[in-house]
Protein backbone atom coordinates (compact mmCIF):
# COMPACT_ATOMS: atom_id res chain seq x y z
CA UNK A 1 148.68 182.17 69.49
CA UNK A 2 152.10 181.01 68.33
CA UNK A 3 153.07 177.57 68.80
CA UNK A 4 149.26 175.92 68.74
CA UNK A 5 149.35 172.76 71.01
CA UNK A 6 151.66 174.00 73.44
CA UNK A 7 150.16 173.12 77.29
CA UNK A 8 149.61 175.85 80.28
CA UNK A 9 148.68 174.74 83.68
CA UNK A 10 148.34 177.43 86.38
CA UNK A 11 148.27 177.15 90.04
CA UNK A 12 146.62 180.51 91.69
CA UNK A 13 145.70 181.10 95.37
CA UNK A 14 142.47 183.12 95.79
CA UNK A 15 142.62 184.79 99.85
CA UNK A 16 140.13 184.19 101.86
CA UNK A 17 137.31 187.54 101.14
CA UNK A 18 139.83 188.93 98.47
CA UNK A 19 139.16 189.60 94.83
CA UNK A 20 142.16 189.02 93.39
CA UNK A 21 144.46 186.28 93.39
CA UNK A 22 147.95 185.40 93.96
CA UNK A 23 150.28 183.10 91.72
CA UNK A 24 151.46 180.35 92.77
CA UNK A 25 152.74 177.77 89.65
CA UNK A 26 152.83 177.35 86.53
CA UNK A 27 153.54 174.34 84.02
CA UNK A 28 154.45 174.54 80.43
CA UNK A 29 155.20 172.05 77.83
CA UNK A 30 155.85 173.16 73.93
CA UNK A 31 153.84 171.56 71.60
CA UNK A 32 157.10 170.60 69.06
CA UNK A 33 158.21 168.79 72.45
CA UNK A 34 155.19 166.71 73.12
CA UNK A 35 155.10 165.21 69.48
CA UNK A 36 158.83 165.07 69.77
CA UNK A 37 158.46 162.85 72.75
CA UNK A 38 156.88 159.96 70.78
CA UNK A 39 159.47 159.52 68.96
CA UNK A 40 161.89 159.16 71.92
CA UNK A 41 163.28 156.40 74.29
CA UNK A 42 160.76 155.66 77.50
CA UNK A 43 163.55 158.25 79.69
CA UNK A 44 162.86 161.08 81.36
CA UNK A 45 164.97 162.83 83.56
CA UNK A 46 163.47 165.70 85.75
CA UNK A 47 165.55 168.52 88.02
CA UNK A 48 165.24 171.49 89.92
CA UNK A 49 166.73 174.63 90.21
CA UNK A 50 166.78 178.46 91.76
CA UNK A 51 165.45 181.15 90.92
CA UNK A 52 167.58 184.19 91.48
CA UNK A 53 165.87 187.30 90.96
CA UNK A 54 163.09 189.29 92.46
CA UNK A 55 160.41 186.37 93.08
CA UNK A 56 162.43 183.08 95.00
CA UNK A 57 161.32 179.91 93.98
CA UNK A 58 162.64 176.78 91.65
CA UNK A 59 162.06 175.96 87.99
CA UNK A 60 161.51 171.93 87.15
CA UNK A 61 162.42 171.15 84.23
CA UNK A 62 161.97 167.13 82.36
CA UNK A 63 164.25 166.16 79.41
CA UNK A 64 164.27 163.11 76.87
CA UNK A 65 166.52 162.12 74.62
CA UNK A 66 165.85 160.50 71.37
CA UNK A 67 167.68 157.30 69.45
CA UNK A 68 170.80 159.41 68.79
CA UNK A 69 171.61 160.67 72.52
CA UNK A 70 170.89 163.88 71.66
CA UNK A 71 168.33 165.58 74.73
CA UNK A 72 164.62 167.08 73.89
CA UNK A 73 163.24 169.39 76.68
CA UNK A 74 159.64 168.30 77.22
CA UNK A 75 158.17 170.48 80.25
CA UNK A 76 158.84 173.36 82.56
CA UNK A 77 157.38 174.73 85.46
CA UNK A 78 158.02 177.00 88.53
CA UNK A 79 156.99 176.60 91.99
CA UNK A 80 157.52 178.00 95.41
CA UNK A 81 159.54 175.43 96.80
CA UNK A 82 160.98 171.78 95.97
CA UNK A 83 158.63 169.58 98.24
CA UNK A 84 156.55 166.50 97.63
CA UNK A 85 153.28 168.43 96.69
CA UNK A 86 155.35 170.75 94.12
CA UNK A 87 156.75 167.54 92.58
CA UNK A 88 153.46 165.63 92.54
CA UNK A 89 151.88 168.63 90.54
CA UNK A 90 154.53 168.79 88.64
CA UNK A 91 154.76 165.08 87.34
CA UNK A 92 150.96 165.02 87.29
CA UNK A 93 151.23 166.97 84.09
CA UNK A 94 153.77 165.54 82.74
CA UNK A 95 152.29 162.08 82.87
CA UNK A 96 148.97 163.89 81.40
CA UNK A 97 150.69 166.16 78.88
CA UNK A 98 153.91 164.86 77.59
CA UNK A 99 153.27 161.26 78.92
CA UNK A 100 149.79 161.00 78.00
CA UNK A 101 149.05 157.08 77.48
CA UNK A 102 152.62 155.99 76.88
CA UNK A 103 153.53 153.77 80.05
CA UNK A 104 156.95 151.76 80.84
CA UNK A 105 158.82 155.31 80.96
CA UNK A 106 161.83 155.39 83.42
CA UNK A 107 162.27 158.03 85.58
CA UNK A 108 165.62 159.02 86.54
CA UNK A 109 166.06 161.91 89.55
CA UNK A 110 168.21 163.17 92.50
CA UNK A 111 166.47 161.11 94.80
CA UNK A 112 164.91 164.18 96.17
CA UNK A 113 162.44 163.39 99.34
CA UNK A 114 159.33 164.55 97.41
CA UNK A 115 160.05 162.76 94.15
CA UNK A 116 160.82 159.55 96.59
CA UNK A 117 157.35 159.85 98.43
CA UNK A 118 155.55 160.25 94.52
CA UNK A 119 157.40 157.73 92.86
CA UNK A 120 156.30 155.20 95.71
CA UNK A 121 153.29 156.14 96.51
CA UNK A 122 150.16 153.45 95.50
CA UNK A 123 148.83 153.68 91.77
CA UNK A 124 152.04 155.90 90.71
CA UNK A 125 153.07 155.91 86.66
CA UNK A 126 156.62 155.84 88.20
CA UNK A 127 156.25 152.57 89.66
CA UNK A 128 156.73 149.15 88.21
CA UNK A 129 154.69 147.39 86.61
CA UNK A 130 154.01 150.85 84.98
CA UNK A 131 156.16 152.72 84.74
CA UNK A 132 160.13 152.91 86.45
CA UNK A 133 162.31 154.97 89.06
CA UNK A 134 166.09 155.10 88.42
CA UNK A 135 168.40 157.55 90.61
CA UNK A 136 171.21 160.01 89.57
CA UNK A 137 174.21 157.98 89.92
CA UNK A 138 176.39 161.09 90.67
CA UNK A 139 173.66 162.30 92.92
CA UNK A 140 173.70 158.73 95.38
CA UNK A 141 177.32 158.70 95.36
CA UNK A 142 177.84 162.21 96.48
CA UNK A 143 175.03 161.11 99.32
CA UNK A 144 177.65 158.15 100.07
CA UNK A 145 180.36 159.97 100.11
CA UNK A 146 178.85 162.68 102.68
CA UNK A 147 178.50 159.58 105.13
CA UNK A 148 181.97 158.20 104.31
CA UNK A 149 183.62 160.51 103.60
CA UNK A 150 186.40 158.32 101.47
CA UNK A 151 187.79 159.56 97.99
CA UNK A 152 188.87 156.28 97.41
CA UNK A 153 185.45 154.69 98.29
CA UNK A 154 183.81 157.02 96.10
CA UNK A 155 185.31 156.12 93.32
CA UNK A 156 185.13 152.61 93.76
CA UNK A 157 181.47 153.10 94.43
CA UNK A 158 180.85 154.99 90.74
CA UNK A 159 182.53 152.27 89.11
CA UNK A 160 180.34 149.51 90.71
CA UNK A 161 177.24 151.35 89.61
CA UNK A 162 178.19 152.47 86.17
CA UNK A 163 179.42 148.73 85.29
CA UNK A 164 177.06 147.18 83.14
CA UNK A 165 178.49 143.32 83.59
CA UNK A 166 177.31 141.63 87.04
CA UNK A 167 180.70 139.98 87.47
CA UNK A 168 182.76 143.24 86.80
CA UNK A 169 179.64 144.84 89.78
CA UNK A 170 180.55 141.86 92.60
CA UNK A 171 184.55 142.55 91.90
CA UNK A 172 184.38 146.03 92.89
CA UNK A 173 181.89 145.79 95.71
CA UNK A 174 183.90 142.92 96.94
CA UNK A 175 186.96 145.35 97.20
CA UNK A 176 184.53 147.89 98.27
CA UNK A 177 183.80 145.33 101.22
CA UNK A 178 187.59 144.92 102.25
CA UNK A 179 187.89 148.58 102.29
CA UNK A 180 185.34 149.39 104.65
CA UNK A 181 182.26 146.62 105.04
CA UNK A 182 180.32 149.42 106.62
CA UNK A 183 179.83 151.04 103.10
CA UNK A 184 179.32 147.71 101.25
CA UNK A 185 176.64 147.45 103.22
CA UNK A 186 175.19 150.78 102.99
CA UNK A 187 175.14 150.43 99.59
CA UNK A 188 173.36 147.21 99.37
CA UNK A 189 170.41 148.85 101.37
CA UNK A 190 169.07 150.37 98.33
CA UNK A 191 167.39 148.44 96.01
CA UNK A 192 170.58 147.30 93.37
CA UNK A 193 168.19 148.15 89.86
CA UNK A 194 167.42 151.87 91.40
CA UNK A 195 171.62 152.70 90.90
CA UNK A 196 173.55 149.78 89.15
CA UNK A 197 173.50 149.53 85.49
CA UNK A 198 173.94 145.95 85.87
CA UNK A 199 171.18 145.33 87.51
CA UNK A 200 169.17 147.84 85.73
CA UNK A 201 167.29 145.71 83.24
CA UNK A 202 168.22 148.08 80.45
CA UNK A 203 165.60 150.47 81.46
CA UNK A 204 167.51 153.49 81.91
CA UNK A 205 169.39 153.16 78.33
CA UNK A 206 172.49 153.81 79.88
CA UNK A 207 171.72 157.24 81.16
CA UNK A 208 173.47 156.89 84.70
CA UNK A 209 172.61 160.82 85.80
CA UNK A 210 170.11 163.52 85.39
CA UNK A 211 173.29 165.67 83.45
CA UNK A 212 170.39 165.87 80.38
CA UNK A 213 168.45 167.94 82.42
CA UNK A 214 171.35 170.01 84.37
CA UNK A 215 173.29 171.08 80.74
CA UNK A 216 169.66 172.70 79.81
CA UNK A 217 169.38 174.32 83.00
CA UNK A 218 172.84 175.77 82.20
CA UNK A 219 171.40 177.14 78.84
CA UNK A 220 168.80 178.43 80.78
CA UNK A 221 171.21 180.20 83.43
CA UNK A 222 170.00 183.92 82.43
CA UNK A 223 166.74 183.11 82.81
CA UNK A 224 166.75 182.29 86.38
CA UNK A 225 167.36 186.32 87.09
CA UNK A 226 164.38 187.53 85.18
CA UNK A 227 160.39 188.32 86.04
CA UNK A 228 158.14 184.99 85.65
CA UNK A 229 156.82 186.20 82.44
CA UNK A 230 160.22 186.98 80.86
CA UNK A 231 161.33 183.43 82.35
CA UNK A 232 158.78 181.80 80.23
CA UNK A 233 159.35 183.40 77.19
CA UNK A 234 162.93 183.06 77.40
CA UNK A 235 162.10 179.23 77.19
CA UNK A 236 160.22 179.92 74.06
CA UNK A 237 162.65 181.65 71.93
CA UNK A 238 165.43 179.46 73.30
CA UNK A 239 163.86 176.29 72.49
CA UNK A 240 163.30 177.87 69.14
CA UNK A 241 167.22 178.79 68.68
CA UNK A 242 167.23 174.57 69.71
CA UNK A 243 164.81 173.58 67.27
CA UNK A 244 166.74 174.96 64.63
CA UNK A 245 169.96 173.81 65.90
CA UNK A 246 169.00 170.74 65.20
CA UNK A 247 166.80 170.98 62.09
CA UNK A 248 170.06 172.46 60.05
CA UNK A 249 172.03 169.76 62.16
CA UNK A 250 169.49 167.02 60.27
CA UNK A 251 169.55 168.09 56.85
CA UNK A 252 173.74 168.75 56.70
CA UNK A 253 173.88 164.95 58.56
CA UNK A 254 171.33 162.64 58.46
CA UNK A 255 169.24 163.61 55.13
CA UNK A 256 172.03 162.77 53.03
CA UNK A 257 172.65 159.70 55.11
CA UNK A 258 169.45 159.00 54.51
CA UNK A 259 168.97 159.53 50.76
CA UNK A 260 172.70 158.01 50.03
CA UNK A 261 171.06 154.49 51.73
CA UNK A 262 168.03 154.77 49.74
CA UNK A 263 169.84 155.13 46.22
CA UNK A 264 172.75 152.35 47.18
């Protein structure tokens, strides 16, 4: 009623021989976010966080970024758990309502097994040539650390992934190989373009991690203890505050600059 163009999608269960229905999932995307994404870089970061109230589950979030590296919350969902089915349901609605016909979008994720299955299945809008999937470097390196338990190797691997020059990347990989040949082999078994900036082809626009989603998750931290309806309402109020803050920032800095350039 108060935000025309906002999209809400429900997933309910109707038990056999029962008149009532049971809530399972809900997806929502506010109209300003949908419109705003048309003017953003072709990158979406996704993440999920726990709900801690009476009703357990996960809140999923998709974030965009504009040309000035400012975040734009795009879509939310509350689901029962992280799984192939829940991620496919969420991402299908992100595609339908936020991405729409826009292709060539790069998805950055934490490599959850459900996400990997969704993005690699036939016809996925997140796989080449329709789109791209890149790993959150922080989560990828944490997986590396869990296997090799070496802080020095961990630091070198992160440096390798964040390099934007192939020459520097190769030099760091050689150093990793001298310290532990198995560690270098483990890194090279994964597609280089998915975790290394130097081999990325510019698809991730220098965004290495899913920190965009996690930053906004921290803004919504209080929402995770609320009942589901109140949780959804709080995202609305927080986004209103966010857009107002961005409007004031634009009026203070960007508009004067544009007017000055026009006068010059």
